[in-house]
Amino acid sequence: MMIDAMADAGVKYGLTKKNALLLASKAVEGSAKMVIETGIHPEQLKDNVCSPGGTTIAAVCELENKGFKTAVQAAIDACVKRNNEMKQ
């Protein structure tokens, strides 16, 4: 869903859907690869790429304002809850 949302935003700003999906997928892939290969906590990696007053921190602030982390955690909670219900 994250990749699809990023791709839709890319289309909004003039990219083809194909290119937008590729760029979004590569961004997510690159982020995951950095966490896996460096062992650095994602919060630190985020801090490393957020320039003061820059575009990335603006995006991060908007995600935080919209409750991104809370929404993802709530989705996982719902998944675990449903899994437990299905075991009964």
PDB file of N, CA and C in Angstrom:
ATOM      1  N   MET A   1       0.827  -1.192   0.000  1.00  0.00           N
ATOM      2  CA  MET A   1       0.000   0.000   0.000  1.00  0.00           C
ATOM      3  C   MET A   1       0.872   1.256   0.000  1.00  0.00           C
ATOM      4  N   MET A   2       1.988   1.191   0.711  1.00  0.00           N
ATOM      5  CA  MET A   2       2.910   2.342   0.735  1.00  0.00           C
ATOM      6  C   MET A   2       3.449   2.605  -0.669  1.00  0.00           C
ATOM      7  N   ILE A   3       3.879   1.556  -1.340  1.00  0.00           N
ATOM      8  CA  ILE A   3       4.417   1.715  -2.688  1.00  0.00           C
ATOM      9  C   ILE A   3       3.352   2.255  -3.630  1.00  0.00           C
ATOM     10  N   ASP A   4       2.140   1.734  -3.531  1.00  0.00           N
ATOM     11  CA  ASP A   4       1.059   2.201  -4.393  1.00  0.00           C
ATOM     12  C   ASP A   4       0.738   3.665  -4.123  1.00  0.00           C
ATOM     13  N   ALA A   5       0.714   4.055  -2.852  1.00  0.00           N
ATOM     14  CA  ALA A   5       0.439   5.454  -2.504  1.00  0.00           C
ATOM     15  C   ALA A   5       1.535   6.373  -3.047  1.00  0.00           C
ATOM     16  N   MET A   6       2.777   5.952  -2.903  1.00  0.00           N
ATOM     17  CA  MET A   6       3.890   6.751  -3.432  1.00  0.00           C
ATOM     18  C   MET A   6       3.795   6.868  -4.954  1.00  0.00           C
ATOM     19  N   ALA A   7       3.455   5.759  -5.599  1.00  0.00           N
ATOM     20  CA  ALA A   7       3.336   5.770  -7.064  1.00  0.00           C
ATOM     21  C   ALA A   7       2.204   6.689  -7.515  1.00  0.00           C
ATOM     22  N   ASP A   8       1.080   6.643  -6.819  1.00  0.00           N
ATOM     23  CA  ASP A   8      -0.033   7.531  -7.174  1.00  0.00           C
ATOM     24  C   ASP A   8       0.386   8.994  -7.055  1.00  0.00           C
ATOM     25  N   ALA A   9       1.152   9.316  -6.026  1.00  0.00           N
ATOM     26  CA  ALA A   9       1.642  10.690  -5.880  1.00  0.00           C
ATOM     27  C   ALA A   9       2.570  11.046  -7.035  1.00  0.00           C
ATOM     28  N   GLY A  10       3.389  10.099  -7.452  1.00  0.00           N
ATOM     29  CA  GLY A  10       4.269  10.338  -8.598  1.00  0.00           C
ATOM     30  C   GLY A  10       3.480  10.633  -9.864  1.00  0.00           C
ATOM     31  N   VAL A  11       2.410   9.888 -10.073  1.00  0.00           N
ATOM     32  CA  VAL A  11       1.540  10.130 -11.235  1.00  0.00           C
ATOM     33  C   VAL A  11       0.914  11.510 -11.130  1.00  0.00           C
ATOM     34  N   LYS A  12       0.507  11.884  -9.923  1.00  0.00           N
ATOM     35  CA  LYS A  12      -0.073  13.212  -9.696  1.00  0.00           C
ATOM     36  C   LYS A  12       0.873  14.311 -10.165  1.00  0.00           C
ATOM     37  N   TYR A  13       2.174  14.066 -10.001  1.00  0.00           N
ATOM     38  CA  TYR A  13       3.165  15.075 -10.373  1.00  0.00           C
ATOM     39  C   TYR A  13       3.824  14.814 -11.723  1.00  0.00           C
ATOM     40  N   GLY A  14       3.196  13.974 -12.551  1.00  0.00           N
ATOM     41  CA  GLY A  14       3.598  13.876 -13.947  1.00  0.00           C
ATOM     42  C   GLY A  14       4.344  12.628 -14.377  1.00  0.00           C
ATOM     43  N   LEU A  15       4.618  11.712 -13.469  1.00  0.00           N
ATOM     44  CA  LEU A  15       5.290  10.478 -13.869  1.00  0.00           C
ATOM     45  C   LEU A  15       4.284   9.507 -14.466  1.00  0.00           C
ATOM     46  N   THR A  16       4.772   8.623 -15.331  1.00  0.00           N
ATOM     47  CA  THR A  16       3.905   7.536 -15.779  1.00  0.00           C
ATOM     48  C   THR A  16       3.739   6.574 -14.604  1.00  0.00           C
ATOM     49  N   LYS A  17       2.656   5.813 -14.613  1.00  0.00           N
ATOM     50  CA  LYS A  17       2.423   4.848 -13.524  1.00  0.00           C
ATOM     51  C   LYS A  17       3.572   3.841 -13.469  1.00  0.00           C
ATOM     52  N   LYS A  18       4.040   3.404 -14.620  1.00  0.00           N
ATOM     53  CA  LYS A  18       5.142   2.434 -14.664  1.00  0.00           C
ATOM     54  C   LYS A  18       6.391   2.999 -13.991  1.00  0.00           C
ATOM     55  N   ASN A  19       6.779   4.197 -14.360  1.00  0.00           N
ATOM     56  CA  ASN A  19       7.968   4.812 -13.764  1.00  0.00           C
ATOM     57  C   ASN A  19       7.767   5.120 -12.290  1.00  0.00           C
ATOM     58  N   ALA A  20       6.568   5.577 -11.943  1.00  0.00           N
ATOM     59  CA  ALA A  20       6.277   5.895 -10.547  1.00  0.00           C
ATOM     60  C   ALA A  20       6.360   4.643  -9.672  1.00  0.00           C
ATOM     61  N   LEU A  21       5.838   3.522 -10.170  1.00  0.00           N
ATOM     62  CA  LEU A  21       5.920   2.264  -9.416  1.00  0.00           C
ATOM     63  C   LEU A  21       7.365   1.806  -9.254  1.00  0.00           C
ATOM     64  N   LEU A  22       8.145   1.962 -10.304  1.00  0.00           N
ATOM     65  CA  LEU A  22       9.551   1.567 -10.235  1.00  0.00           C
ATOM     66  C   LEU A  22      10.289   2.425  -9.214  1.00  0.00           C
ATOM     67  N   LEU A  23      10.117   3.736  -9.283  1.00  0.00           N
ATOM     68  CA  LEU A  23      10.807   4.629  -8.346  1.00  0.00           C
ATOM     69  C   LEU A  23      10.377   4.378  -6.909  1.00  0.00           C
ATOM     70  N   ALA A  24       9.094   4.202  -6.683  1.00  0.00           N
ATOM     71  CA  ALA A  24       8.601   3.939  -5.335  1.00  0.00           C
ATOM     72  C   ALA A  24       9.139   2.607  -4.810  1.00  0.00           C
ATOM     73  N   SER A  25       9.116   1.599  -5.653  1.00  0.00           N
ATOM     74  CA  SER A  25       9.624   0.281  -5.261  1.00  0.00           C
ATOM     75  C   SER A  25      11.103   0.335  -4.927  1.00  0.00           C
ATOM     76  N   LYS A  26      11.867   1.037  -5.728  1.00  0.00           N
ATOM     77  CA  LYS A  26      13.304   1.165  -5.488  1.00  0.00           C
ATOM     78  C   LYS A  26      13.586   1.949  -4.213  1.00  0.00           C
ATOM     79  N   ALA A  27      12.772   2.944  -3.916  1.00  0.00           N
ATOM     80  CA  ALA A  27      12.961   3.718  -2.685  1.00  0.00           C
ATOM     81  C   ALA A  27      12.744   2.829  -1.462  1.00  0.00           C
ATOM     82  N   VAL A  28      11.691   2.029  -1.493  1.00  0.00           N
ATOM     83  CA  VAL A  28      11.409   1.129  -0.378  1.00  0.00           C
ATOM     84  C   VAL A  28      12.490   0.051  -0.287  1.00  0.00           C
ATOM     85  N   GLU A  29      12.874  -0.481  -1.428  1.00  0.00           N
ATOM     86  CA  GLU A  29      13.928  -1.497  -1.468  1.00  0.00           C
ATOM     87  C   GLU A  29      15.241  -0.945  -0.898  1.00  0.00           C
ATOM     88  N   GLY A  30      15.592   0.263  -1.295  1.00  0.00           N
ATOM     89  CA  GLY A  30      16.828   0.872  -0.821  1.00  0.00           C
ATOM     90  C   GLY A  30      16.816   1.115   0.670  1.00  0.00           C
ATOM     91  N   SER A  31      15.690   1.563   1.185  1.00  0.00           N
ATOM     92  CA  SER A  31      15.566   1.793   2.626  1.00  0.00           C
ATOM     93  C   SER A  31      15.711   0.487   3.399  1.00  0.00           C
ATOM     94  N   ALA A  32      15.023  -0.539   2.945  1.00  0.00           N
ATOM     95  CA  ALA A  32      15.105  -1.843   3.618  1.00  0.00           C
ATOM     96  C   ALA A  32      16.526  -2.403   3.549  1.00  0.00           C
ATOM     97  N   LYS A  33      17.148  -2.251   2.406  1.00  0.00           N
ATOM     98  CA  LYS A  33      18.518  -2.742   2.228  1.00  0.00           C
ATOM     99  C   LYS A  33      19.483  -2.048   3.185  1.00  0.00           C
ATOM    100  N   MET A  34      19.311  -0.751   3.383  1.00  0.00           N
ATOM    101  CA  MET A  34      20.177  -0.015   4.301  1.00  0.00           C
ATOM    102  C   MET A  34      20.028  -0.533   5.728  1.00  0.00           C
ATOM    103  N   VAL A  35      18.807  -0.784   6.152  1.00  0.00           N
ATOM    104  CA  VAL A  35      18.565  -1.293   7.508  1.00  0.00           C
ATOM    105  C   VAL A  35      19.212  -2.675   7.659  1.00  0.00           C
ATOM    106  N   ILE A  36      18.992  -3.532   6.682  1.00  0.00           N
ATOM    107  CA  ILE A  36      19.518  -4.899   6.751  1.00  0.00           C
ATOM    108  C   ILE A  36      21.040  -4.920   6.710  1.00  0.00           C
ATOM    109  N   GLU A  37      21.618  -4.177   5.784  1.00  0.00           N
ATOM    110  CA  GLU A  37      23.065  -4.249   5.573  1.00  0.00           C
ATOM    111  C   GLU A  37      23.881  -3.481   6.604  1.00  0.00           C
ATOM    112  N   THR A  38      23.344  -2.389   7.132  1.00  0.00           N
ATOM    113  CA  THR A  38      24.134  -1.583   8.071  1.00  0.00           C
ATOM    114  C   THR A  38      23.835  -1.917   9.527  1.00  0.00           C
ATOM    115  N   GLY A  39      22.640  -2.440   9.788  1.00  0.00           N
ATOM    116  CA  GLY A  39      22.242  -2.701  11.166  1.00  0.00           C
ATOM    117  C   GLY A  39      21.901  -1.427  11.931  1.00  0.00           C
ATOM    118  N   ILE A  40      21.907  -0.291  11.244  1.00  0.00           N
ATOM    119  CA  ILE A  40      21.567   0.979  11.872  1.00  0.00           C
ATOM    120  C   ILE A  40      20.047   1.052  12.025  1.00  0.00           C
ATOM    121  N   HIS A  41      19.616   1.549  13.179  1.00  0.00           N
ATOM    122  CA  HIS A  41      18.181   1.663  13.452  1.00  0.00           C
ATOM    123  C   HIS A  41      17.535   2.585  12.414  1.00  0.00           C
ATOM    124  N   PRO A  42      16.332   2.243  11.941  1.00  0.00           N
ATOM    125  CA  PRO A  42      15.662   3.078  10.942  1.00  0.00           C
ATOM    126  C   PRO A  42      15.513   4.544  11.355  1.00  0.00           C
ATOM    127  N   GLU A  43      15.305   4.784  12.642  1.00  0.00           N
ATOM    128  CA  GLU A  43      15.176   6.174  13.117  1.00  0.00           C
ATOM    129  C   GLU A  43      16.462   6.955  12.848  1.00  0.00           C
ATOM    130  N   GLN A  44      17.603   6.312  13.059  1.00  0.00           N
ATOM    131  CA  GLN A  44      18.884   6.968  12.817  1.00  0.00           C
ATOM    132  C   GLN A  44      19.105   7.196  11.317  1.00  0.00           C
ATOM    133  N   LEU A  45      18.750   6.209  10.518  1.00  0.00           N
ATOM    134  CA  LEU A  45      18.880   6.369   9.070  1.00  0.00           C
ATOM    135  C   LEU A  45      18.016   7.531   8.584  1.00  0.00           C
ATOM    136  N   LYS A  46      16.801   7.634   9.127  1.00  0.00           N
ATOM    137  CA  LYS A  46      15.910   8.757   8.782  1.00  0.00           C
ATOM    138  C   LYS A  46      16.575  10.070   9.150  1.00  0.00           C
ATOM    139  N   ASP A  47      17.106  10.132  10.378  1.00  0.00           N
ATOM    140  CA  ASP A  47      17.771  11.363  10.815  1.00  0.00           C
ATOM    141  C   ASP A  47      18.964  11.704   9.924  1.00  0.00           C
ATOM    142  N   ASN A  48      19.652  10.690   9.438  1.00  0.00           N
ATOM    143  CA  ASN A  48      20.828  10.904   8.592  1.00  0.00           C
ATOM    144  C   ASN A  48      20.477  11.540   7.241  1.00  0.00           C
ATOM    145  N   VAL A  49      19.270  11.290   6.747  1.00  0.00           N
ATOM    146  CA  VAL A  49      18.907  11.805   5.420  1.00  0.00           C
ATOM    147  C   VAL A  49      18.025  13.049   5.466  1.00  0.00           C
ATOM    148  N   CYS A  50      17.608  13.452   6.655  1.00  0.00           N
ATOM    149  CA  CYS A  50      16.752  14.634   6.786  1.00  0.00           C
ATOM    150  C   CYS A  50      17.599  15.886   6.998  1.00  0.00           C
ATOM    151  N   SER A  51      17.728  16.678   5.947  1.00  0.00           N
ATOM    152  CA  SER A  51      18.449  17.947   6.046  1.00  0.00           C
ATOM    153  C   SER A  51      17.562  18.978   6.735  1.00  0.00           C
ATOM    154  N   PRO A  52      18.140  19.833   7.554  1.00  0.00           N
ATOM    155  CA  PRO A  52      17.340  20.886   8.188  1.00  0.00           C
ATOM    156  C   PRO A  52      16.593  21.721   7.143  1.00  0.00           C
ATOM    157  N   GLY A  53      15.300  21.830   7.317  1.00  0.00           N
ATOM    158  CA  GLY A  53      14.480  22.605   6.385  1.00  0.00           C
ATOM    159  C   GLY A  53      14.316  21.976   5.018  1.00  0.00           C
ATOM    160  N   GLY A  54      14.695  20.703   4.872  1.00  0.00           N
ATOM    161  CA  GLY A  54      14.682  20.052   3.564  1.00  0.00           C
ATOM    162  C   GLY A  54      13.378  19.359   3.215  1.00  0.00           C
ATOM    163  N   THR A  55      13.389  18.731   2.053  1.00  0.00           N
ATOM    164  CA  THR A  55      12.199  18.080   1.531  1.00  0.00           C
ATOM    165  C   THR A  55      11.855  16.802   2.290  1.00  0.00           C
ATOM    166  N   THR A  56      12.879  16.040   2.674  1.00  0.00           N
ATOM    167  CA  THR A  56      12.613  14.771   3.358  1.00  0.00           C
ATOM    168  C   THR A  56      11.996  15.006   4.726  1.00  0.00           C
ATOM    169  N   ILE A  57      12.524  15.957   5.482  1.00  0.00           N
ATOM    170  CA  ILE A  57      11.950  16.213   6.802  1.00  0.00           C
ATOM    171  C   ILE A  57      10.530  16.777   6.681  1.00  0.00           C
ATOM    172  N   ALA A  58      10.266  17.514   5.616  1.00  0.00           N
ATOM    173  CA  ALA A  58       8.899  18.001   5.394  1.00  0.00           C
ATOM    174  C   ALA A  58       7.947  16.823   5.199  1.00  0.00           C
ATOM    175  N   ALA A  59       8.389  15.835   4.430  1.00  0.00           N
ATOM    176  CA  ALA A  59       7.566  14.647   4.206  1.00  0.00           C
ATOM    177  C   ALA A  59       7.408  13.847   5.491  1.00  0.00           C
ATOM    178  N   VAL A  60       8.486  13.690   6.245  1.00  0.00           N
ATOM    179  CA  VAL A  60       8.435  12.950   7.505  1.00  0.00           C
ATOM    180  C   VAL A  60       7.459  13.620   8.474  1.00  0.00           C
ATOM    181  N   CYS A  61       7.538  14.922   8.577  1.00  0.00           N
ATOM    182  CA  CYS A  61       6.625  15.655   9.466  1.00  0.00           C
ATOM    183  C   CYS A  61       5.171  15.447   9.060  1.00  0.00           C
ATOM    184  N   GLU A  62       4.911  15.446   7.774  1.00  0.00           N
ATOM    185  CA  GLU A  62       3.533  15.233   7.304  1.00  0.00           C
ATOM    186  C   GLU A  62       3.062  13.825   7.635  1.00  0.00           C
ATOM    187  N   LEU A  63       3.921  12.822   7.444  1.00  0.00           N
ATOM    188  CA  LEU A  63       3.553  11.457   7.810  1.00  0.00           C
ATOM    189  C   LEU A  63       3.264  11.356   9.307  1.00  0.00           C
ATOM    190  N   GLU A  64       4.091  12.009  10.110  1.00  0.00           N
ATOM    191  CA  GLU A  64       3.859  12.007  11.555  1.00  0.00           C
ATOM    192  C   GLU A  64       2.553  12.717  11.907  1.00  0.00           C
ATOM    193  N   ASN A  65       2.272  13.841  11.261  1.00  0.00           N
ATOM    194  CA  ASN A  65       1.025  14.583  11.504  1.00  0.00           C
ATOM    195  C   ASN A  65      -0.209  13.764  11.139  1.00  0.00           C
ATOM    196  N   LYS A  66      -0.074  12.928  10.127  1.00  0.00           N
ATOM    197  CA  LYS A  66      -1.201  12.112   9.664  1.00  0.00           C
ATOM    198  C   LYS A  66      -1.300  10.789  10.418  1.00  0.00           C
ATOM    199  N   GLY A  67      -0.382  10.534  11.350  1.00  0.00           N
ATOM    200  CA  GLY A  67      -0.465   9.325  12.165  1.00  0.00           C
ATOM    201  C   GLY A  67       0.021   8.063  11.484  1.00  0.00           C
ATOM    202  N   PHE A  68       1.003   8.189  10.612  1.00  0.00           N
ATOM    203  CA  PHE A  68       1.497   7.041   9.845  1.00  0.00           C
ATOM    204  C   PHE A  68       1.919   5.882  10.747  1.00  0.00           C
ATOM    205  N   LYS A  69       2.793   6.153  11.710  1.00  0.00           N
ATOM    206  CA  LYS A  69       3.311   5.085  12.568  1.00  0.00           C
ATOM    207  C   LYS A  69       2.179   4.431  13.358  1.00  0.00           C
ATOM    208  N   THR A  70       1.286   5.242  13.874  1.00  0.00           N
ATOM    209  CA  THR A  70       0.147   4.719  14.639  1.00  0.00           C
ATOM    210  C   THR A  70      -0.748   3.858  13.757  1.00  0.00           C
ATOM    211  N   ALA A  71      -0.976   4.283  12.528  1.00  0.00           N
ATOM    212  CA  ALA A  71      -1.825   3.518  11.615  1.00  0.00           C
ATOM    213  C   ALA A  71      -1.193   2.168  11.271  1.00  0.00           C
ATOM    214  N   VAL A  72       0.096   2.150  11.028  1.00  0.00           N
ATOM    215  CA  VAL A  72       0.779   0.892  10.717  1.00  0.00           C
ATOM    216  C   VAL A  72       0.737  -0.044  11.922  1.00  0.00           C
ATOM    217  N   GLN A  73       1.007   0.501  13.102  1.00  0.00           N
ATOM    218  CA  GLN A  73       0.964  -0.324  14.310  1.00  0.00           C
ATOM    219  C   GLN A  73      -0.443  -0.853  14.576  1.00  0.00           C
ATOM    220  N   ALA A  74      -1.459  -0.050  14.343  1.00  0.00           N
ATOM    221  CA  ALA A  74      -2.849  -0.486  14.526  1.00  0.00           C
ATOM    222  C   ALA A  74      -3.195  -1.600  13.533  1.00  0.00           C
ATOM    223  N   ALA A  75      -2.686  -1.511  12.325  1.00  0.00           N
ATOM    224  CA  ALA A  75      -2.923  -2.559  11.332  1.00  0.00           C
ATOM    225  C   ALA A  75      -2.302  -3.880  11.782  1.00  0.00           C
ATOM    226  N   ILE A  76      -1.110  -3.816  12.345  1.00  0.00           N
ATOM    227  CA  ILE A  76      -0.463  -5.035  12.841  1.00  0.00           C
ATOM    228  C   ILE A  76      -1.226  -5.579  14.042  1.00  0.00           C
ATOM    229  N   ASP A  77      -1.679  -4.694  14.924  1.00  0.00           N
ATOM    230  CA  ASP A  77      -2.502  -5.130  16.058  1.00  0.00           C
ATOM    231  C   ASP A  77      -3.743  -5.876  15.566  1.00  0.00           C
ATOM    232  N   ALA A  78      -4.400  -5.336  14.544  1.00  0.00           N
ATOM    233  CA  ALA A  78      -5.602  -5.968  13.992  1.00  0.00           C
ATOM    234  C   ALA A  78      -5.272  -7.335  13.393  1.00  0.00           C
ATOM    235  N   CYS A  79      -4.125  -7.425  12.747  1.00  0.00           N
ATOM    236  CA  CYS A  79      -3.694  -8.688  12.154  1.00  0.00           C
ATOM    237  C   CYS A  79      -3.463  -9.748  13.230  1.00  0.00           C
ATOM    238  N   VAL A  80      -2.749  -9.374  14.287  1.00  0.00           N
ATOM    239  CA  VAL A  80      -2.472 -10.303  15.384  1.00  0.00           C
ATOM    240  C   VAL A  80      -3.771 -10.720  16.069  1.00  0.00           C
ATOM    241  N   LYS A  81      -4.646  -9.748  16.305  1.00  0.00           N
ATOM    242  CA  LYS A  81      -5.933 -10.044  16.949  1.00  0.00           C
ATOM    243  C   LYS A  81      -6.732 -11.039  16.120  1.00  0.00           C
ATOM    244  N   ARG A  82      -6.816 -10.775  14.832  1.00  0.00           N
ATOM    245  CA  ARG A  82      -7.589 -11.674  13.959  1.00  0.00           C
ATOM    246  C   ARG A  82      -6.946 -13.059  13.889  1.00  0.00           C
ATOM    247  N   ASN A  83      -5.635 -13.106  13.852  1.00  0.00           N
ATOM    248  CA  ASN A  83      -4.932 -14.389  13.845  1.00  0.00           C
ATOM    249  C   ASN A  83      -5.263 -15.183  15.118  1.00  0.00           C
ATOM    250  N   ASN A  84      -5.255 -14.512  16.250  1.00  0.00           N
ATOM    251  CA  ASN A  84      -5.587 -15.168  17.511  1.00  0.00           C
ATOM    252  C   ASN A  84      -7.027 -15.661  17.534  1.00  0.00           C
ATOM    253  N   GLU A  85      -7.940 -14.870  16.955  1.00  0.00           N
ATOM    254  CA  GLU A  85      -9.348 -15.276  16.875  1.00  0.00           C
ATOM    255  C   GLU A  85      -9.512 -16.532  16.003  1.00  0.00           C
ATOM    256  N   MET A  86      -8.751 -16.568  14.930  1.00  0.00           N
ATOM    257  CA  MET A  86      -8.854 -17.701  14.013  1.00  0.00           C
ATOM    258  C   MET A  86      -8.291 -18.992  14.596  1.00  0.00           C
ATOM    259  N   LYS A  87      -7.408 -18.876  15.567  1.00  0.00           N
ATOM    260  CA  LYS A  87      -6.829 -20.053  16.217  1.00  0.00           C
ATOM    261  C   LYS A  87      -7.814 -20.713  17.173  1.00  0.00           C
ATOM    262  N   GLN A  88      -8.815 -19.957  17.623  1.00  0.00           N
ATOM    263  CA  GLN A  88      -9.752 -20.477  18.628  1.00  0.00           C
ATOM    264  C   GLN A  88     -10.788 -21.379  18.023  1.00  0.00           C
TER     265      GLN A  88
END
